[in-house]
Amino acid sequence: MKNKDKILLGILGAAAAGVAIGLLFYTEEGKKTRKKIKHTADDWADSLGSLIESGKENLSDLSHKAKANFKKVKSKAQDASEEYSNQIS
């Protein structure tokens, strides 16, 4: 892409952003749109918070299960080790 093309693309992008900002902040419809965006963002934040909390609970449950399974495996390994030592002696 040539420099002139890049400059033209940058100017067009900046103009489009300016128009969008102008519509959002300086028109009555923009106020309604901002309210919709805010409500949607709030809903997403609430959903994300619930999802994170659920993930924490699931992770905690998995951690407890892993610890319990580790204790069982460790106990079985110790029993097997003792049994093997007794067989060798």
N, C-alpha and C. Protein backbone atom coordinates (compact mmCIF):
# COMPACT_ATOMS: atom_id res chain seq x y z
N MET A 1 0.85 -1.16 0.00
CA MET A 1 0.00 0.00 0.00
C MET A 1 0.90 1.24 0.00
N LYS A 2 0.58 2.20 -0.84
CA LYS A 2 1.38 3.42 -0.95
C LYS A 2 1.08 4.35 0.21
N ASN A 3 2.00 5.27 0.45
CA ASN A 3 1.82 6.23 1.54
C ASN A 3 0.57 7.08 1.33
N LYS A 4 0.31 7.49 0.07
CA LYS A 4 -0.87 8.30 -0.20
C LYS A 4 -2.14 7.54 0.15
N ASP A 5 -2.15 6.23 -0.15
CA ASP A 5 -3.31 5.40 0.17
C ASP A 5 -3.50 5.29 1.68
N LYS A 6 -2.39 5.13 2.38
CA LYS A 6 -2.46 5.03 3.84
C LYS A 6 -2.98 6.33 4.45
N ILE A 7 -2.51 7.45 3.94
CA ILE A 7 -2.95 8.74 4.46
C ILE A 7 -4.44 8.93 4.18
N LEU A 8 -4.88 8.62 2.97
CA LEU A 8 -6.29 8.74 2.61
C LEU A 8 -7.16 7.84 3.48
N LEU A 9 -6.70 6.62 3.69
CA LEU A 9 -7.44 5.67 4.53
C LEU A 9 -7.51 6.18 5.97
N GLY A 10 -6.43 6.75 6.47
CA GLY A 10 -6.42 7.31 7.82
C GLY A 10 -7.38 8.47 7.95
N ILE A 11 -7.41 9.35 6.96
CA ILE A 11 -8.32 10.50 6.98
C ILE A 11 -9.77 10.02 6.95
N LEU A 12 -10.07 9.05 6.09
CA LEU A 12 -11.43 8.53 6.01
C LEU A 12 -11.84 7.85 7.33
N GLY A 13 -10.91 7.12 7.93
CA GLY A 13 -11.21 6.47 9.21
C GLY A 13 -11.47 7.49 10.30
N ALA A 14 -10.66 8.54 10.34
CA ALA A 14 -10.84 9.59 11.35
C ALA A 14 -12.17 10.32 11.12
N ALA A 15 -12.51 10.57 9.87
CA ALA A 15 -13.79 11.23 9.57
C ALA A 15 -14.96 10.36 10.00
N ALA A 16 -14.88 9.08 9.73
CA ALA A 16 -15.96 8.17 10.13
C ALA A 16 -16.08 8.13 11.65
N ALA A 17 -14.97 8.09 12.35
CA ALA A 17 -15.00 8.09 13.81
C ALA A 17 -15.61 9.40 14.32
N GLY A 18 -15.25 10.50 13.69
CA GLY A 18 -15.80 11.79 14.08
C GLY A 18 -17.30 11.86 13.90
N VAL A 19 -17.77 11.33 12.78
CA VAL A 19 -19.22 11.30 12.53
C VAL A 19 -19.92 10.44 13.57
N ALA A 20 -19.36 9.28 13.87
CA ALA A 20 -19.97 8.38 14.86
C ALA A 20 -20.02 9.04 16.23
N ILE A 21 -18.94 9.69 16.62
CA ILE A 21 -18.91 10.37 17.93
C ILE A 21 -19.92 11.51 17.94
N GLY A 22 -19.99 12.24 16.85
CA GLY A 22 -20.95 13.34 16.76
C GLY A 22 -22.38 12.84 16.89
N LEU A 23 -22.69 11.75 16.24
CA LEU A 23 -24.05 11.19 16.32
C LEU A 23 -24.37 10.69 17.72
N LEU A 24 -23.38 10.11 18.37
CA LEU A 24 -23.63 9.58 19.72
C LEU A 24 -23.77 10.68 20.76
N PHE A 25 -23.03 11.75 20.62
CA PHE A 25 -23.00 12.74 21.69
C PHE A 25 -23.80 14.01 21.43
N TYR A 26 -24.22 14.26 20.22
CA TYR A 26 -24.86 15.53 19.94
C TYR A 26 -26.23 15.41 19.31
N THR A 27 -26.84 14.24 19.37
CA THR A 27 -28.20 14.09 18.85
C THR A 27 -29.06 13.39 19.89
N GLU A 28 -30.35 13.56 19.76
CA GLU A 28 -31.29 12.90 20.68
C GLU A 28 -31.22 11.39 20.53
N GLU A 29 -31.11 10.92 19.29
CA GLU A 29 -30.97 9.49 19.05
C GLU A 29 -29.68 8.97 19.68
N GLY A 30 -28.65 9.82 19.68
CA GLY A 30 -27.38 9.43 20.29
C GLY A 30 -27.53 9.17 21.78
N LYS A 31 -28.36 9.99 22.43
CA LYS A 31 -28.60 9.78 23.87
C LYS A 31 -29.25 8.42 24.11
N LYS A 32 -30.22 8.09 23.27
CA LYS A 32 -30.90 6.79 23.39
C LYS A 32 -29.92 5.65 23.13
N THR A 33 -29.10 5.84 22.12
CA THR A 33 -28.11 4.81 21.77
C THR A 33 -27.11 4.63 22.90
N ARG A 34 -26.67 5.73 23.51
CA ARG A 34 -25.72 5.62 24.62
C ARG A 34 -26.35 4.88 25.80
N LYS A 35 -27.65 5.16 26.05
CA LYS A 35 -28.34 4.45 27.14
C LYS A 35 -28.42 2.95 26.84
N LYS A 36 -28.73 2.61 25.59
CA LYS A 36 -28.78 1.20 25.20
C LYS A 36 -27.41 0.54 25.37
N ILE A 37 -26.39 1.25 24.93
CA ILE A 37 -25.02 0.71 25.06
C ILE A 37 -24.67 0.51 26.52
N LYS A 38 -25.04 1.49 27.37
CA LYS A 38 -24.74 1.38 28.80
C LYS A 38 -25.48 0.20 29.42
N HIS A 39 -26.76 0.04 29.10
CA HIS A 39 -27.53 -1.08 29.65
C HIS A 39 -26.96 -2.42 29.18
N THR A 40 -26.60 -2.48 27.92
CA THR A 40 -26.02 -3.71 27.39
C THR A 40 -24.70 -4.02 28.07
N ALA A 41 -23.87 -2.99 28.25
CA ALA A 41 -22.58 -3.19 28.92
C ALA A 41 -22.80 -3.63 30.37
N ASP A 42 -23.79 -3.03 31.05
CA ASP A 42 -24.09 -3.44 32.42
C ASP A 42 -24.55 -4.89 32.47
N ASP A 43 -25.40 -5.28 31.53
CA ASP A 43 -25.87 -6.67 31.48
C ASP A 43 -24.70 -7.62 31.26
N TRP A 44 -23.81 -7.25 30.34
CA TRP A 44 -22.65 -8.09 30.07
C TRP A 44 -21.75 -8.19 31.31
N ALA A 45 -21.58 -7.08 32.00
CA ALA A 45 -20.75 -7.08 33.21
C ALA A 45 -21.36 -8.00 34.27
N ASP A 46 -22.68 -7.92 34.44
CA ASP A 46 -23.35 -8.80 35.41
C ASP A 46 -23.17 -10.27 35.01
N SER A 47 -23.36 -10.55 33.73
CA SER A 47 -23.21 -11.93 33.26
C SER A 47 -21.78 -12.42 33.46
N LEU A 48 -20.83 -11.56 33.17
CA LEU A 48 -19.43 -11.93 33.34
C LEU A 48 -19.12 -12.18 34.81
N GLY A 49 -19.66 -11.34 35.68
CA GLY A 49 -19.46 -11.54 37.12
C GLY A 49 -20.01 -12.87 37.59
N SER A 50 -21.20 -13.21 37.12
CA SER A 50 -21.81 -14.49 37.48
C SER A 50 -20.99 -15.65 36.94
N LEU A 51 -20.52 -15.50 35.72
CA LEU A 51 -19.70 -16.55 35.11
C LEU A 51 -18.39 -16.75 35.88
N ILE A 52 -17.77 -15.67 36.29
CA ILE A 52 -16.53 -15.76 37.05
C ILE A 52 -16.78 -16.42 38.41
N GLU A 53 -17.86 -16.04 39.06
CA GLU A 53 -18.19 -16.64 40.36
C GLU A 53 -18.44 -18.13 40.22
N SER A 54 -19.16 -18.51 39.18
CA SER A 54 -19.42 -19.93 38.92
C SER A 54 -18.11 -20.67 38.65
N GLY A 55 -17.24 -20.04 37.89
CA GLY A 55 -15.93 -20.65 37.62
C GLY A 55 -15.12 -20.85 38.88
N LYS A 56 -15.16 -19.87 39.78
CA LYS A 56 -14.43 -19.99 41.06
C LYS A 56 -14.96 -21.17 41.87
N GLU A 57 -16.30 -21.31 41.91
CA GLU A 57 -16.90 -22.42 42.65
C GLU A 57 -16.51 -23.76 42.04
N ASN A 58 -16.56 -23.85 40.72
CA ASN A 58 -16.18 -25.09 40.05
C ASN A 58 -14.71 -25.42 40.29
N LEU A 59 -13.87 -24.42 40.25
CA LEU A 59 -12.44 -24.63 40.49
C LEU A 59 -12.19 -25.09 41.92
N SER A 60 -12.93 -24.51 42.86
CA SER A 60 -12.81 -24.91 44.26
C SER A 60 -13.24 -26.38 44.44
N ASP A 61 -14.35 -26.75 43.81
CA ASP A 61 -14.83 -28.13 43.88
C ASP A 61 -13.80 -29.09 43.29
N LEU A 62 -13.24 -28.73 42.14
CA LEU A 62 -12.23 -29.58 41.51
C LEU A 62 -11.00 -29.71 42.39
N SER A 63 -10.63 -28.62 43.03
CA SER A 63 -9.46 -28.65 43.92
C SER A 63 -9.69 -29.61 45.08
N HIS A 64 -10.87 -29.54 45.68
CA HIS A 64 -11.18 -30.45 46.80
C HIS A 64 -11.19 -31.91 46.35
N LYS A 65 -11.77 -32.16 45.16
CA LYS A 65 -11.80 -33.52 44.64
C LYS A 65 -10.39 -34.02 44.33
N ALA A 66 -9.56 -33.15 43.78
CA ALA A 66 -8.19 -33.54 43.46
C ALA A 66 -7.41 -33.87 44.72
N LYS A 67 -7.60 -33.07 45.77
CA LYS A 67 -6.91 -33.34 47.04
C LYS A 67 -7.36 -34.67 47.63
N ALA A 68 -8.68 -34.94 47.57
CA ALA A 68 -9.20 -36.20 48.11
C ALA A 68 -8.66 -37.38 47.31
N ASN A 69 -8.65 -37.26 45.99
CA ASN A 69 -8.12 -38.34 45.15
C ASN A 69 -6.63 -38.54 45.38
N PHE A 70 -5.89 -37.45 45.58
CA PHE A 70 -4.47 -37.56 45.84
C PHE A 70 -4.22 -38.33 47.13
N LYS A 71 -5.02 -38.03 48.15
CA LYS A 71 -4.86 -38.74 49.43
C LYS A 71 -5.13 -40.23 49.27
N LYS A 72 -6.16 -40.57 48.47
CA LYS A 72 -6.47 -41.98 48.24
C LYS A 72 -5.32 -42.68 47.50
N VAL A 73 -4.83 -42.04 46.46
CA VAL A 73 -3.74 -42.62 45.68
C VAL A 73 -2.49 -42.75 46.53
N LYS A 74 -2.20 -41.75 47.34
CA LYS A 74 -1.02 -41.79 48.20
C LYS A 74 -1.13 -42.94 49.20
N SER A 75 -2.33 -43.08 49.77
CA SER A 75 -2.54 -44.17 50.73
C SER A 75 -2.36 -45.53 50.07
N LYS A 76 -2.93 -45.70 48.87
CA LYS A 76 -2.79 -46.97 48.16
C LYS A 76 -1.34 -47.24 47.79
N ALA A 77 -0.62 -46.19 47.41
CA ALA A 77 0.79 -46.35 47.05
C ALA A 77 1.61 -46.76 48.28
N GLN A 78 1.31 -46.16 49.41
CA GLN A 78 2.02 -46.53 50.64
C GLN A 78 1.71 -47.96 51.03
N ASP A 79 0.44 -48.35 50.91
CA ASP A 79 0.07 -49.72 51.23
C ASP A 79 0.78 -50.70 50.30
N ALA A 80 0.81 -50.37 49.03
CA ALA A 80 1.48 -51.25 48.06
C ALA A 80 2.98 -51.31 48.35
N SER A 81 3.56 -50.18 48.72
CA SER A 81 4.99 -50.15 49.03
C SER A 81 5.29 -51.00 50.25
N GLU A 82 4.46 -50.91 51.26
CA GLU A 82 4.66 -51.71 52.47
C GLU A 82 4.49 -53.19 52.15
N GLU A 83 3.50 -53.53 51.36
CA GLU A 83 3.26 -54.91 50.98
C GLU A 83 4.45 -55.47 50.19
N TYR A 84 4.98 -54.67 49.29
CA TYR A 84 6.13 -55.08 48.50
C TYR A 84 7.36 -55.25 49.39
N SER A 85 7.53 -54.34 50.34
CA SER A 85 8.67 -54.44 51.26
C SER A 85 8.54 -55.70 52.10
N ASN A 86 7.34 -56.03 52.52
CA ASN A 86 7.13 -57.24 53.31
C ASN A 86 7.40 -58.50 52.51
N GLN A 87 7.06 -58.47 51.22
CA GLN A 87 7.30 -59.62 50.36
C GLN A 87 8.80 -59.83 50.13
N ILE A 88 9.53 -58.74 50.02
CA ILE A 88 10.97 -58.83 49.78
C ILE A 88 11.70 -59.34 51.02
N SER A 89 11.24 -58.92 52.19
CA SER A 89 11.94 -59.30 53.43
C SER A 89 11.80 -60.74 53.79
